[in-house]
Amino acid sequence: MSRLVKRLKVVFNDPNRKGWIRIIKEAVDFSLTKKELPYFYLGKFLYRKGIKNYKDYLSSKEVDKITLSKKLHHPAYASILRNKLFFALYTEENQLPVPAFLGYNLGATFNDRSTTVNLRREELFQYFERIYRIHNCDRIIVKSLTDQGGDNVFLFTKENLEEIINELGDFILQSDMIFQRYLIQHEDIDKIYSHSVNTLRLDSYMDKKGDIHIVSAYMRFGAGGSYLDNSSSGGFFIGVDLEEGRLYQKSLQFMKYGGGHISKHPDTGFVFENFKIPYFKESKELVKKAVSCIPDRLIGWDIAITQNGPVIIEANDNNSLMGPDLVLQGVLKYPIWREILEEA
């Protein structure tokens, strides 16, 4: 109930909302049609002016039907996609471009591909300094093997190493983490926001014939100095034209972070509209190649764009589908998405 109250507060303060009589009528209609409370009617901003096709947006039951479908998802593939260590090793083995894998830890047991050691807290600083030296790098991404949505992802740098070990040392020793080289993104994307690696999300769908389709695209950006771009961690995202790879005019943001619409980056002032993403065609080709290696039928791929081309950061078989629904303004108005729901 508290979740509904919070959403109603956002609606009440939104200057772009429809009239209350219309909102109530549509919310009731959405509930009766979808057979659930209108959380998504509010959470997907369907109460805002200009949105008439509110029934084309997925309900939570429809999302669950898709993400939990045994026809669309195979448990063996999920075990690869959901464990970042398995995913890193598998994609590397299949010669897909991914961030350089530097090592991992399972609790106090650390492996850097050459040695396996058990470490105490006071030995962590020296251990990571050794990784910097061996791999000639000064930035490492350390992230949980299984958490999602930007949870427990940390940037270790030479400059902040002592501070971050003091802060997170005990947590690292009690967790299971993977260590990867920090990517340097394309200079054109760096101009928009340089503090995070801003990723392109491409959703792939394999139909019954085995043909692979890219069914949604959007770009995620960090803000406010954050090194995370994840929209689940407070960042924002912008729809991308599937043919030309150009950003749409305005951003989107989840309701719990304010649900704002902006046309330029709040930190840099960079105008989004018509910015052409470098290597967009190559990114789509990479995703199709990756699906041939991990043939789950519906996957959300996170792609970083570097000076040398696209790199796969990670992939998800159980994402919320909130992003596609918002950027496409109702996925069910598209035949390919209606097919996905029917297949599920």
Protein backbone atom coordinates (compact mmCIF):
# COMPACT_ATOMS: atom_id res chain seq x y z
CA MET A 1 0.00 0.00 0.00
CA SER A 2 2.86 2.41 0.81
CA ARG A 3 4.17 1.88 -2.72
CA LEU A 4 0.81 2.95 -4.14
CA VAL A 5 0.70 6.01 -1.87
CA LYS A 6 4.18 7.10 -3.04
CA ARG A 7 3.12 6.77 -6.65
CA LEU A 8 -0.06 8.75 -6.05
CA LYS A 9 2.06 11.57 -4.58
CA VAL A 10 4.16 11.69 -7.75
CA VAL A 11 1.00 11.74 -9.87
CA PHE A 12 -0.55 14.50 -7.77
CA ASN A 13 2.54 16.72 -8.20
CA ASP A 14 3.00 16.02 -11.92
CA PRO A 15 2.01 19.10 -13.96
CA ASN A 16 1.64 16.92 -17.06
CA ARG A 17 -1.07 14.64 -15.66
CA LYS A 18 -4.51 14.18 -17.17
CA GLY A 19 -7.66 15.24 -15.33
CA TRP A 20 -8.50 13.22 -12.24
CA ILE A 21 -11.77 11.86 -13.61
CA ARG A 22 -9.99 10.53 -16.69
CA ILE A 23 -7.13 9.09 -14.61
CA ILE A 24 -9.56 7.24 -12.34
CA LYS A 25 -11.56 5.93 -15.29
CA GLU A 26 -8.45 4.71 -17.14
CA ALA A 27 -6.89 3.21 -14.00
CA VAL A 28 -10.06 1.20 -13.33
CA ASP A 29 -10.19 0.12 -16.99
CA PHE A 30 -6.51 -0.91 -16.87
CA SER A 31 -7.15 -2.91 -13.68
CA LEU A 32 -10.18 -4.71 -15.13
CA THR A 33 -8.42 -5.45 -18.41
CA LYS A 34 -5.15 -6.60 -16.86
CA LYS A 35 -6.80 -8.13 -13.77
CA GLU A 36 -4.52 -6.44 -11.24
CA LEU A 37 -4.19 -3.22 -9.26
CA PRO A 38 -3.07 -0.24 -11.40
CA TYR A 39 0.53 -0.09 -10.14
CA PHE A 40 1.87 -0.08 -13.69
CA TYR A 41 -0.73 2.43 -14.88
CA LEU A 42 0.87 4.84 -12.43
CA GLY A 43 4.46 3.53 -12.54
CA LYS A 44 4.66 3.76 -16.33
CA PHE A 45 3.25 7.31 -16.36
CA LEU A 46 0.14 6.29 -18.30
CA TYR A 47 -1.71 9.04 -16.44
CA ARG A 48 0.23 11.68 -18.39
CA LYS A 49 -1.30 13.76 -21.16
CA GLY A 50 -0.91 12.40 -24.69
CA ILE A 51 -0.97 8.71 -23.74
CA LYS A 52 -4.12 7.12 -25.13
CA ASN A 53 -2.96 3.54 -25.72
CA TYR A 54 -2.50 2.63 -22.05
CA LYS A 55 -3.68 -0.95 -22.66
CA ASP A 56 -0.66 -1.53 -24.95
CA TYR A 57 1.65 -1.41 -21.93
CA LEU A 58 2.55 -4.61 -20.12
CA SER A 59 1.02 -5.38 -16.75
CA SER A 60 3.07 -7.01 -14.00
CA LYS A 61 1.34 -10.32 -14.73
CA GLU A 62 2.26 -10.07 -18.41
CA VAL A 63 5.86 -9.24 -17.49
CA ASP A 64 5.99 -12.28 -15.22
CA LYS A 65 4.46 -14.41 -17.96
CA ILE A 66 7.29 -13.41 -20.31
CA THR A 67 10.22 -13.48 -17.89
CA LEU A 68 9.18 -16.77 -16.27
CA SER A 69 8.19 -18.50 -19.51
CA LYS A 70 9.80 -21.92 -20.03
CA LYS A 71 9.18 -21.54 -23.76
CA LEU A 72 11.25 -18.35 -23.93
CA HIS A 73 13.87 -19.16 -21.30
CA HIS A 74 16.00 -22.24 -20.67
CA PRO A 75 17.36 -22.90 -17.13
CA ALA A 76 20.78 -23.87 -18.49
CA TYR A 77 21.13 -20.54 -20.30
CA ALA A 78 19.89 -18.64 -17.25
CA SER A 79 22.73 -20.15 -15.20
CA ILE A 80 25.20 -18.60 -17.66
CA LEU A 81 23.48 -15.24 -17.94
CA ARG A 82 22.81 -14.65 -14.25
CA ASN A 83 26.24 -15.55 -12.88
CA LYS A 84 28.78 -12.93 -13.96
CA LEU A 85 31.71 -15.31 -13.50
CA PHE A 86 30.14 -17.99 -15.70
CA PHE A 87 29.16 -15.35 -18.23
CA ALA A 88 32.67 -13.84 -18.39
CA LEU A 89 34.34 -17.22 -18.88
CA TYR A 90 31.78 -18.47 -21.40
CA THR A 91 31.79 -15.35 -23.58
CA GLU A 92 35.58 -15.20 -23.48
CA GLU A 93 35.73 -18.87 -24.54
CA ASN A 94 33.44 -18.05 -27.48
CA GLN A 95 35.66 -15.12 -28.48
CA LEU A 96 33.01 -12.46 -27.90
CA PRO A 97 34.31 -8.98 -26.99
CA VAL A 98 33.91 -8.54 -23.22
CA PRO A 99 35.83 -6.59 -20.54
CA ALA A 100 39.18 -8.19 -19.69
CA PHE A 101 38.68 -10.74 -16.92
CA LEU A 102 41.22 -10.16 -14.12
CA GLY A 103 40.06 -12.55 -11.42
CA TYR A 104 37.43 -13.31 -8.81
CA ASN A 105 36.92 -14.20 -5.18
CA LEU A 106 34.63 -16.64 -3.43
CA GLY A 107 34.70 -15.29 0.08
CA ALA A 108 38.31 -15.23 1.28
CA THR A 109 39.52 -17.38 -1.63
CA PHE A 110 40.95 -15.24 -4.46
CA ASN A 111 41.91 -16.37 -7.96
CA ASP A 112 43.68 -14.15 -10.48
CA ARG A 113 44.02 -16.81 -13.23
CA SER A 114 47.56 -17.64 -12.17
CA THR A 115 47.27 -18.29 -8.44
CA THR A 116 44.63 -19.18 -5.87
CA VAL A 117 45.17 -17.78 -2.38
CA ASN A 118 43.27 -17.29 0.87
CA LEU A 119 43.52 -13.69 2.03
CA ARG A 120 43.05 -11.78 5.26
CA ARG A 121 41.76 -8.23 5.32
CA GLU A 122 45.23 -6.71 5.78
CA GLU A 123 46.40 -8.46 2.59
CA LEU A 124 43.75 -7.04 0.26
CA PHE A 125 45.57 -3.80 -0.53
CA GLN A 126 48.71 -5.61 -1.67
CA TYR A 127 46.63 -8.11 -3.67
CA PHE A 128 44.85 -5.44 -5.73
CA GLU A 129 48.04 -3.45 -6.18
CA ARG A 130 49.48 -6.61 -7.74
CA ILE A 131 46.54 -6.79 -10.17
CA TYR A 132 47.12 -3.17 -11.20
CA ARG A 133 50.79 -3.90 -11.80
CA ILE A 134 50.41 -7.21 -13.67
CA HIS A 135 47.68 -5.92 -15.98
CA ASN A 136 49.09 -2.40 -16.36
CA CYS A 137 45.80 -0.74 -15.43
CA ASP A 138 44.69 1.77 -12.84
CA ARG A 139 40.95 1.09 -12.72
CA ILE A 140 39.12 -2.13 -11.91
CA ILE A 141 35.40 -2.87 -11.74
CA VAL A 142 34.55 -5.19 -8.86
CA LYS A 143 30.99 -6.53 -8.88
CA SER A 144 28.87 -9.19 -7.25
CA LEU A 145 28.54 -12.43 -9.21
CA THR A 146 24.76 -12.53 -8.91
CA ASP A 147 23.33 -9.12 -7.93
CA GLN A 148 21.53 -7.06 -10.55
CA GLY A 149 20.43 -3.48 -11.14
CA GLY A 150 23.79 -1.93 -10.30
CA ASP A 151 23.81 -3.36 -6.77
CA ASN A 152 27.24 -4.06 -5.29
CA VAL A 153 29.26 -2.73 -8.21
CA PHE A 154 32.41 -0.84 -7.17
CA LEU A 155 35.10 1.11 -8.95
CA PHE A 156 38.58 0.39 -7.54
CA THR A 157 41.22 2.91 -8.62
CA LYS A 158 44.84 3.32 -7.64
CA GLU A 159 43.89 6.61 -6.01
CA ASN A 160 40.98 5.31 -3.91
CA LEU A 161 42.27 1.79 -3.21
CA GLU A 162 43.25 2.30 0.42
CA GLU A 163 40.03 4.15 1.18
CA ILE A 164 37.79 1.57 -0.51
CA ILE A 165 39.58 -1.37 1.14
CA ASN A 166 39.05 0.28 4.53
CA GLU A 167 35.37 0.76 3.69
CA LEU A 168 34.58 -2.49 1.86
CA GLY A 169 37.28 -4.97 2.88
CA ASP A 170 35.10 -7.01 5.22
CA PHE A 171 32.22 -6.99 2.73
CA ILE A 172 34.46 -8.24 -0.11
CA LEU A 173 35.80 -11.06 2.07
CA GLN A 174 32.24 -12.16 2.83
CA SER A 175 31.03 -11.93 -0.77
CA ASP A 176 31.56 -13.50 -4.18
CA MET A 177 32.90 -10.95 -6.69
CA ILE A 178 34.42 -10.69 -10.16
CA PHE A 179 37.22 -8.28 -11.14
CA GLN A 180 37.31 -6.78 -14.65
CA ARG A 181 39.30 -4.09 -16.39
CA TYR A 182 37.47 -0.76 -16.53
CA LEU A 183 36.54 0.07 -20.13
CA ILE A 184 37.37 3.34 -21.87
CA GLN A 185 34.27 4.37 -23.79
CA HIS A 186 34.12 6.07 -27.18
CA GLU A 187 35.13 9.74 -27.06
CA ASP A 188 31.81 10.86 -28.58
CA ILE A 189 29.87 9.21 -25.75
CA ASP A 190 32.38 10.50 -23.23
CA LYS A 191 31.36 14.03 -24.25
CA ILE A 192 27.82 13.34 -23.00
CA TYR A 193 28.92 11.99 -19.61
CA SER A 194 32.41 10.81 -18.76
CA HIS A 195 32.16 9.55 -15.16
CA SER A 196 30.44 6.27 -16.07
CA VAL A 197 30.60 3.82 -18.93
CA ASN A 198 27.23 4.62 -20.52
CA THR A 199 25.72 1.46 -21.95
CA LEU A 200 23.42 0.61 -24.82
CA ARG A 201 20.65 -1.86 -23.94
CA LEU A 202 19.54 -4.05 -26.85
CA ASP A 203 16.77 -6.61 -26.38
CA SER A 204 16.96 -9.67 -28.63
CA TYR A 205 14.19 -12.12 -29.49
CA MET A 206 14.56 -15.45 -31.25
CA ASP A 207 11.35 -16.50 -32.99
CA LYS A 208 10.10 -20.04 -33.56
CA LYS A 209 12.03 -20.30 -36.83
CA GLY A 210 15.29 -19.39 -35.11
CA ASP A 211 15.48 -15.90 -36.66
CA ILE A 212 16.94 -13.28 -34.30
CA HIS A 213 15.34 -9.83 -33.97
CA ILE A 214 16.42 -6.70 -32.10
CA VAL A 215 13.12 -5.58 -30.57
CA SER A 216 14.13 -2.65 -28.37
CA ALA A 217 17.02 -0.22 -27.90
CA TYR A 218 17.83 2.48 -25.40
CA MET A 219 20.93 4.17 -23.96
CA ARG A 220 21.59 4.60 -20.25
CA PHE A 221 23.56 7.48 -18.72
CA GLY A 222 24.91 8.23 -15.29
CA ALA A 223 24.70 11.68 -13.70
CA GLY A 224 25.92 13.69 -10.75
CA GLY A 225 29.41 12.20 -10.75
CA SER A 226 28.20 8.59 -10.36
CA TYR A 227 30.27 5.86 -12.01
CA LEU A 228 27.07 3.83 -12.53
CA ASP A 229 24.78 4.39 -15.50
CA ASN A 230 22.11 1.97 -14.33
CA SER A 231 18.55 3.30 -14.49
CA SER A 232 17.73 1.06 -11.51
CA SER A 233 20.30 3.03 -9.51
CA GLY A 234 18.93 6.49 -10.25
CA GLY A 235 20.31 7.19 -13.71
CA PHE A 236 18.15 7.80 -16.77
CA PHE A 237 17.72 6.30 -20.22
CA ILE A 238 16.84 7.47 -23.71
CA GLY A 239 15.15 5.57 -26.52
CA VAL A 240 17.18 4.79 -29.63
CA ASP A 241 15.89 4.53 -33.19
CA LEU A 242 16.35 0.87 -34.14
CA GLU A 243 17.26 1.60 -37.75
CA GLU A 244 19.56 4.62 -37.53
CA GLY A 245 20.84 4.35 -33.95
CA ARG A 246 19.96 7.94 -33.07
CA LEU A 247 18.83 9.08 -29.62
CA TYR A 248 15.28 10.31 -29.16
CA GLN A 249 14.61 13.84 -27.97
CA LYS A 250 14.00 13.31 -24.26
CA SER A 251 15.14 10.98 -21.52
CA LEU A 252 13.09 8.73 -19.27
CA GLN A 253 13.54 7.95 -15.59
CA PHE A 254 11.80 5.50 -13.29
CA MET A 255 9.11 6.95 -11.03
CA LYS A 256 10.95 6.30 -7.76
CA TYR A 257 13.76 8.58 -9.00
CA GLY A 258 11.42 11.36 -10.06
CA GLY A 259 10.29 10.26 -13.51
CA GLY A 260 11.85 13.31 -15.17
CA HIS A 261 11.97 14.15 -18.87
CA ILE A 262 15.07 16.08 -19.97
CA SER A 263 16.38 16.95 -23.42
CA LYS A 264 20.02 17.49 -22.45
CA HIS A 265 22.38 16.00 -19.90
CA PRO A 266 22.08 17.80 -16.54
CA ASP A 267 25.85 17.79 -15.95
CA THR A 268 27.26 18.59 -19.39
CA GLY A 269 24.34 20.24 -21.21
CA PHE A 270 24.79 17.83 -24.13
CA VAL A 271 21.62 17.78 -26.29
CA PHE A 272 20.41 14.21 -26.85
CA GLU A 273 18.20 14.47 -29.92
CA ASN A 274 19.64 12.89 -33.09
CA PHE A 275 22.97 11.95 -31.50
CA LYS A 276 24.13 8.96 -33.54
CA ILE A 277 25.55 6.14 -31.45
CA PRO A 278 28.92 4.98 -32.80
CA TYR A 279 29.08 1.35 -33.96
CA PHE A 280 25.31 0.90 -33.61
CA LYS A 281 25.03 -1.46 -36.58
CA GLU A 282 28.01 -3.43 -35.27
CA SER A 283 26.34 -3.60 -31.83
CA LYS A 284 23.24 -5.21 -33.30
CA GLU A 285 25.39 -7.67 -35.26
CA LEU A 286 27.34 -8.50 -32.08
CA VAL A 287 24.13 -9.23 -30.17
CA LYS A 288 22.91 -11.58 -32.90
CA LYS A 289 26.26 -13.38 -32.81
CA ALA A 290 26.04 -13.64 -29.03
CA VAL A 291 22.52 -15.10 -29.21
CA SER A 292 23.90 -17.84 -31.44
CA CYS A 293 26.21 -18.74 -28.53
CA ILE A 294 23.55 -18.36 -25.81
CA PRO A 295 20.27 -19.15 -27.60
CA ASP A 296 17.84 -17.98 -24.95
CA ARG A 297 14.88 -16.55 -26.81
CA LEU A 298 14.58 -13.18 -25.05
CA ILE A 299 17.67 -11.44 -23.64
CA GLY A 300 18.53 -7.89 -22.65
CA TRP A 301 22.16 -7.10 -23.61
CA ASP A 302 24.23 -4.30 -22.06
CA ILE A 303 26.74 -3.01 -24.60
CA ALA A 304 29.57 -0.52 -24.04
CA ILE A 305 30.83 1.40 -27.06
CA THR A 306 34.62 1.79 -27.17
CA GLN A 307 36.88 3.42 -29.74
CA ASN A 308 37.38 -0.02 -31.29
CA GLY A 309 33.75 -1.13 -31.32
CA PRO A 310 31.06 -2.63 -29.08
CA VAL A 311 31.84 -4.73 -26.00
CA ILE A 312 29.33 -6.90 -24.11
CA ILE A 313 29.15 -5.94 -20.43
CA GLU A 314 26.48 -8.43 -19.36
CA ALA A 315 23.12 -9.91 -20.35
CA ASN A 316 19.82 -10.58 -18.61
CA ASP A 317 17.05 -13.08 -19.20
CA ASN A 318 14.87 -11.76 -16.36
CA ASN A 319 14.86 -7.98 -16.75
CA SER A 320 11.73 -6.02 -15.80
CA LEU A 321 10.85 -4.94 -19.40
CA MET A 322 10.06 -1.51 -17.99
CA GLY A 323 12.60 0.09 -20.33
CA PRO A 324 11.22 -1.34 -23.60
CA ASP A 325 7.65 -0.52 -22.55
CA LEU A 326 8.51 3.12 -21.88
CA VAL A 327 10.77 3.82 -24.87
CA LEU A 328 8.41 2.09 -27.32
CA GLN A 329 5.38 3.71 -25.67
CA GLY A 330 3.58 0.42 -25.20
CA VAL A 331 5.25 -2.70 -26.57
CA LEU A 332 1.97 -4.47 -27.34
CA LYS A 333 1.22 -2.10 -30.20
CA TYR A 334 4.03 -3.88 -32.08
CA PRO A 335 3.29 -7.29 -33.69
CA ILE A 336 6.68 -8.71 -32.67
CA TRP A 337 6.00 -8.01 -28.99
CA ARG A 338 2.47 -9.42 -29.21
CA GLU A 339 4.10 -12.54 -30.65
CA ILE A 340 6.50 -12.64 -27.70
CA LEU A 341 3.60 -12.50 -25.24
CA GLU A 342 1.69 -15.18 -27.15
CA GLU A 343 4.78 -17.40 -27.26
CA ALA A 344 5.23 -17.02 -23.51
